[in-house]
């Protein structure tokens, strides 16, 4: 899924009036109410959120 995200973002910088490409990732936090479910920025429209991406390889 991260590969798809990176490919979606390599088309150059977005203009400020353009929507951000939609994506979802599986929530791997076992303490989260959405654990093991896909989550997307669209799930949090009109809410403050922070996104942290890491690679464990």
PDB file of N, CA and C in Angstrom:
ATOM      1  N   UNK A   1       0.817  -1.190   0.000  1.00  0.00           N
ATOM      2  CA  UNK A   1       0.000   0.000   0.000  1.00  0.00           C
ATOM      3  C   UNK A   1       0.859   1.250   0.000  1.00  0.00           C
ATOM      4  N   UNK A   2       1.978   1.231   0.697  1.00  0.00           N
ATOM      5  CA  UNK A   2       2.827   2.416   0.730  1.00  0.00           C
ATOM      6  C   UNK A   2       3.393   2.696  -0.656  1.00  0.00           C
ATOM      7  N   UNK A   3       3.684   1.639  -1.425  1.00  0.00           N
ATOM      8  CA  UNK A   3       4.172   1.840  -2.785  1.00  0.00           C
ATOM      9  C   UNK A   3       3.144   2.611  -3.591  1.00  0.00           C
ATOM     10  N   UNK A   4       1.857   2.245  -3.460  1.00  0.00           N
ATOM     11  CA  UNK A   4       0.802   2.964  -4.167  1.00  0.00           C
ATOM     12  C   UNK A   4       0.735   4.419  -3.756  1.00  0.00           C
ATOM     13  N   UNK A   5       0.945   4.675  -2.476  1.00  0.00           N
ATOM     14  CA  UNK A   5       0.927   6.043  -1.979  1.00  0.00           C
ATOM     15  C   UNK A   5       2.078   6.832  -2.574  1.00  0.00           C
ATOM     16  N   UNK A   6       3.274   6.243  -2.589  1.00  0.00           N
ATOM     17  CA  UNK A   6       4.423   6.955  -3.137  1.00  0.00           C
ATOM     18  C   UNK A   6       4.224   7.228  -4.619  1.00  0.00           C
ATOM     19  N   UNK A   7       3.681   6.281  -5.356  1.00  0.00           N
ATOM     20  CA  UNK A   7       3.447   6.497  -6.777  1.00  0.00           C
ATOM     21  C   UNK A   7       2.429   7.599  -7.005  1.00  0.00           C
ATOM     22  N   UNK A   8       1.421   7.664  -6.155  1.00  0.00           N
ATOM     23  CA  UNK A   8       0.401   8.699  -6.301  1.00  0.00           C
ATOM     24  C   UNK A   8       0.968  10.082  -6.038  1.00  0.00           C
ATOM     25  N   UNK A   9       2.032  10.166  -5.259  1.00  0.00           N
ATOM     26  CA  UNK A   9       2.578  11.460  -4.872  1.00  0.00           C
ATOM     27  C   UNK A   9       3.766  11.895  -5.722  1.00  0.00           C
ATOM     28  N   UNK A  10       4.176  11.104  -6.703  1.00  0.00           N
ATOM     29  CA  UNK A  10       5.352  11.461  -7.482  1.00  0.00           C
ATOM     30  C   UNK A  10       5.030  12.310  -8.704  1.00  0.00           C
ATOM     31  N   UNK A  11       3.793  12.711  -8.871  1.00  0.00           N
ATOM     32  CA  UNK A  11       3.409  13.498 -10.031  1.00  0.00           C
ATOM     33  C   UNK A  11       3.763  14.972  -9.913  1.00  0.00           C
ATOM     34  N   UNK A  12       4.501  15.358  -8.907  1.00  0.00           N
ATOM     35  CA  UNK A  12       4.862  16.749  -8.715  1.00  0.00           C
ATOM     36  C   UNK A  12       4.062  17.353  -7.587  1.00  0.00           C
ATOM     37  N   UNK A  13       4.413  18.562  -7.198  1.00  0.00           N
ATOM     38  CA  UNK A  13       3.721  19.195  -6.068  1.00  0.00           C
ATOM     39  C   UNK A  13       2.266  19.506  -6.405  1.00  0.00           C
ATOM     40  N   UNK A  14       1.415  19.381  -5.414  1.00  0.00           N
ATOM     41  CA  UNK A  14       0.008  19.720  -5.585  1.00  0.00           C
ATOM     42  C   UNK A  14      -0.182  21.217  -5.388  1.00  0.00           C
ATOM     43  N   UNK A  15      -1.120  21.774  -6.108  1.00  0.00           N
ATOM     44  CA  UNK A  15      -1.490  23.168  -5.890  1.00  0.00           C
ATOM     45  C   UNK A  15      -2.348  23.240  -4.637  1.00  0.00           C
ATOM     46  N   UNK A  16      -2.380  24.366  -3.982  1.00  0.00           N
ATOM     47  CA  UNK A  16      -3.101  24.487  -2.717  1.00  0.00           C
ATOM     48  C   UNK A  16      -4.607  24.275  -2.862  1.00  0.00           C
ATOM     49  N   UNK A  17      -5.146  24.447  -4.060  1.00  0.00           N
ATOM     50  CA  UNK A  17      -6.581  24.260  -4.239  1.00  0.00           C
ATOM     51  C   UNK A  17      -6.932  22.866  -4.762  1.00  0.00           C
ATOM     52  N   UNK A  18      -5.927  21.984  -4.907  1.00  0.00           N
ATOM     53  CA  UNK A  18      -6.173  20.628  -5.380  1.00  0.00           C
ATOM     54  C   UNK A  18      -6.384  19.685  -4.199  1.00  0.00           C
ATOM     55  N   UNK A  19      -7.324  18.722  -4.321  1.00  0.00           N
ATOM     56  CA  UNK A  19      -7.479  17.742  -3.245  1.00  0.00           C
ATOM     57  C   UNK A  19      -6.271  16.811  -3.173  1.00  0.00           C
ATOM     58  N   UNK A  20      -5.971  16.344  -1.996  1.00  0.00           N
ATOM     59  CA  UNK A  20      -4.879  15.401  -1.790  1.00  0.00           C
ATOM     60  C   UNK A  20      -5.336  14.029  -2.277  1.00  0.00           C
ATOM     61  N   UNK A  21      -4.450  13.243  -2.908  1.00  0.00           N
ATOM     62  CA  UNK A  21      -4.858  11.903  -3.353  1.00  0.00           C
ATOM     63  C   UNK A  21      -5.388  11.076  -2.180  1.00  0.00           C
ATOM     64  N   UNK A  22      -6.468  10.347  -2.410  1.00  0.00           N
ATOM     65  CA  UNK A  22      -7.052   9.518  -1.365  1.00  0.00           C
ATOM     66  C   UNK A  22      -6.230   8.246  -1.212  1.00  0.00           C
ATOM     67  N   UNK A  23      -6.105   7.764   0.013  1.00  0.00           N
ATOM     68  CA  UNK A  23      -5.428   6.509   0.298  1.00  0.00           C
ATOM     69  C   UNK A  23      -5.958   5.971   1.611  1.00  0.00           C
ATOM     70  N   UNK A  24      -5.715   4.705   1.862  1.00  0.00           N
ATOM     71  CA  UNK A  24      -6.018   4.118   3.162  1.00  0.00           C
ATOM     72  C   UNK A  24      -4.925   3.125   3.501  1.00  0.00           C
ATOM     73  N   UNK A  25      -4.693   2.958   4.781  1.00  0.00           N
ATOM     74  CA  UNK A  25      -3.696   2.018   5.295  1.00  0.00           C
ATOM     75  C   UNK A  25      -4.329   1.234   6.437  1.00  0.00           C
ATOM     76  N   UNK A  26      -3.824   0.045   6.688  1.00  0.00           N
ATOM     77  CA  UNK A  26      -4.328  -0.769   7.786  1.00  0.00           C
ATOM     78  C   UNK A  26      -3.773  -0.213   9.101  1.00  0.00           C
ATOM     79  N   UNK A  27      -4.632  -0.013  10.071  1.00  0.00           N
ATOM     80  CA  UNK A  27      -4.244   0.464  11.399  1.00  0.00           C
ATOM     81  C   UNK A  27      -3.599  -0.703  12.149  1.00  0.00           C
ATOM     82  N   UNK A  28      -2.310  -0.606  12.430  1.00  0.00           N
ATOM     83  CA  UNK A  28      -1.574  -1.670  13.106  1.00  0.00           C
ATOM     84  C   UNK A  28      -1.425  -1.440  14.598  1.00  0.00           C
ATOM     85  N   UNK A  29      -2.051  -0.420  15.133  1.00  0.00           N
ATOM     86  CA  UNK A  29      -1.973  -0.125  16.561  1.00  0.00           C
ATOM     87  C   UNK A  29      -2.975  -1.019  17.301  1.00  0.00           C
ATOM     88  N   UNK A  30      -2.499  -1.988  18.105  1.00  0.00           N
ATOM     89  CA  UNK A  30      -3.428  -2.896  18.779  1.00  0.00           C
ATOM     90  C   UNK A  30      -4.316  -2.206  19.812  1.00  0.00           C
ATOM     91  N   UNK A  31      -3.936  -1.023  20.283  1.00  0.00           N
ATOM     92  CA  UNK A  31      -4.735  -0.298  21.266  1.00  0.00           C
ATOM     93  C   UNK A  31      -5.778   0.618  20.619  1.00  0.00           C
ATOM     94  N   UNK A  32      -5.773   0.713  19.319  1.00  0.00           N
ATOM     95  CA  UNK A  32      -6.683   1.610  18.606  1.00  0.00           C
ATOM     96  C   UNK A  32      -8.053   0.967  18.419  1.00  0.00           C
ATOM     97  N   UNK A  33      -9.124   1.758  18.480  1.00  0.00           N
ATOM     98  CA  UNK A  33     -10.452   1.200  18.219  1.00  0.00           C
ATOM     99  C   UNK A  33     -10.630   0.725  16.772  1.00  0.00           C
ATOM    100  N   UNK A  34      -9.770   1.196  15.874  1.00  0.00           N
ATOM    101  CA  UNK A  34      -9.845   0.766  14.474  1.00  0.00           C
ATOM    102  C   UNK A  34      -8.733  -0.219  14.118  1.00  0.00           C
ATOM    103  N   UNK A  35      -8.163  -0.884  15.108  1.00  0.00           N
ATOM    104  CA  UNK A  35      -7.072  -1.838  14.884  1.00  0.00           C
ATOM    105  C   UNK A  35      -7.453  -2.874  13.834  1.00  0.00           C
ATOM    106  N   UNK A  36      -6.527  -3.125  12.909  1.00  0.00           N
ATOM    107  CA  UNK A  36      -6.672  -4.101  11.822  1.00  0.00           C
ATOM    108  C   UNK A  36      -7.725  -3.704  10.783  1.00  0.00           C
ATOM    109  N   UNK A  37      -8.136  -2.449  10.774  1.00  0.00           N
ATOM    110  CA  UNK A  37      -9.092  -1.956   9.787  1.00  0.00           C
ATOM    111  C   UNK A  37      -8.421  -0.886   8.933  1.00  0.00           C
ATOM    112  N   UNK A  38      -8.859  -0.707   7.691  1.00  0.00           N
ATOM    113  CA  UNK A  38      -8.304   0.375   6.880  1.00  0.00           C
ATOM    114  C   UNK A  38      -8.752   1.732   7.423  1.00  0.00           C
ATOM    115  N   UNK A  39      -7.829   2.674   7.464  1.00  0.00           N
ATOM    116  CA  UNK A  39      -8.131   4.042   7.870  1.00  0.00           C
ATOM    117  C   UNK A  39      -7.644   4.994   6.779  1.00  0.00           C
ATOM    118  N   UNK A  40      -8.324   6.111   6.651  1.00  0.00           N
ATOM    119  CA  UNK A  40      -8.032   7.068   5.592  1.00  0.00           C
ATOM    120  C   UNK A  40      -8.208   8.483   6.141  1.00  0.00           C
ATOM    121  N   UNK A  41      -7.505   9.467   5.570  1.00  0.00           N
ATOM    122  CA  UNK A  41      -7.765  10.847   5.969  1.00  0.00           C
ATOM    123  C   UNK A  41      -9.231  11.236   5.773  1.00  0.00           C
ATOM    124  N   UNK A  42      -9.893  10.613   4.828  1.00  0.00           N
ATOM    125  CA  UNK A  42     -11.313  10.902   4.586  1.00  0.00           C
ATOM    126  C   UNK A  42     -12.175  10.515   5.787  1.00  0.00           C
ATOM    127  N   UNK A  43     -11.683   9.591   6.631  1.00  0.00           N
ATOM    128  CA  UNK A  43     -12.422   9.202   7.837  1.00  0.00           C
ATOM    129  C   UNK A  43     -12.432  10.320   8.873  1.00  0.00           C
ATOM    130  N   UNK A  44     -11.546  11.283   8.731  1.00  0.00           N
ATOM    131  CA  UNK A  44     -11.366  12.321   9.742  1.00  0.00           C
ATOM    132  C   UNK A  44     -11.617  13.723   9.208  1.00  0.00           C
ATOM    133  N   UNK A  45     -12.454  13.843   8.199  1.00  0.00           N
ATOM    134  CA  UNK A  45     -12.757  15.161   7.638  1.00  0.00           C
ATOM    135  C   UNK A  45     -13.336  16.047   8.737  1.00  0.00           C
ATOM    136  N   UNK A  46     -12.891  17.288   8.779  1.00  0.00           N
ATOM    137  CA  UNK A  46     -13.299  18.291   9.773  1.00  0.00           C
ATOM    138  C   UNK A  46     -12.782  17.990  11.175  1.00  0.00           C
ATOM    139  N   UNK A  47     -11.768  17.134  11.295  1.00  0.00           N
ATOM    140  CA  UNK A  47     -11.125  16.847  12.576  1.00  0.00           C
ATOM    141  C   UNK A  47      -9.631  17.092  12.439  1.00  0.00           C
ATOM    142  N   UNK A  48      -8.990  17.465  13.516  1.00  0.00           N
ATOM    143  CA  UNK A  48      -7.530  17.620  13.516  1.00  0.00           C
ATOM    144  C   UNK A  48      -6.922  16.228  13.598  1.00  0.00           C
ATOM    145  N   UNK A  49      -5.942  15.947  12.748  1.00  0.00           N
ATOM    146  CA  UNK A  49      -5.291  14.645  12.788  1.00  0.00           C
ATOM    147  C   UNK A  49      -3.817  14.802  12.429  1.00  0.00           C
ATOM    148  N   UNK A  50      -3.023  13.842  12.857  1.00  0.00           N
ATOM    149  CA  UNK A  50      -1.604  13.798  12.516  1.00  0.00           C
ATOM    150  C   UNK A  50      -1.297  12.416  11.955  1.00  0.00           C
ATOM    151  N   UNK A  51      -0.471  12.363  10.926  1.00  0.00           N
ATOM    152  CA  UNK A  51      -0.153  11.089  10.274  1.00  0.00           C
ATOM    153  C   UNK A  51       1.356  10.870  10.362  1.00  0.00           C
ATOM    154  N   UNK A  52       1.711   9.695  10.820  1.00  0.00           N
ATOM    155  CA  UNK A  52       3.111   9.308  10.966  1.00  0.00           C
ATOM    156  C   UNK A  52       3.348   8.042  10.164  1.00  0.00           C
ATOM    157  N   UNK A  53       4.280   8.096   9.234  1.00  0.00           N
ATOM    158  CA  UNK A  53       4.584   6.947   8.400  1.00  0.00           C
ATOM    159  C   UNK A  53       5.965   6.425   8.772  1.00  0.00           C
ATOM    160  N   UNK A  54       6.061   5.132   8.933  1.00  0.00           N
ATOM    161  CA  UNK A  54       7.347   4.511   9.258  1.00  0.00           C
ATOM    162  C   UNK A  54       7.530   3.271   8.400  1.00  0.00           C
ATOM    163  N   UNK A  55       8.743   2.823   8.308  1.00  0.00           N
ATOM    164  CA  UNK A  55       9.058   1.631   7.542  1.00  0.00           C
ATOM    165  C   UNK A  55       9.811   0.673   8.447  1.00  0.00           C
ATOM    166  N   UNK A  56       9.280  -0.509   8.618  1.00  0.00           N
ATOM    167  CA  UNK A  56       9.942  -1.520   9.440  1.00  0.00           C
ATOM    168  C   UNK A  56      10.385  -2.645   8.531  1.00  0.00           C
ATOM    169  N   UNK A  57      11.528  -2.477   7.925  1.00  0.00           N
ATOM    170  CA  UNK A  57      11.946  -3.502   6.969  1.00  0.00           C
ATOM    171  C   UNK A  57      13.278  -3.909   7.190  1.00  0.00           C
TER     172      UNK A  57
END
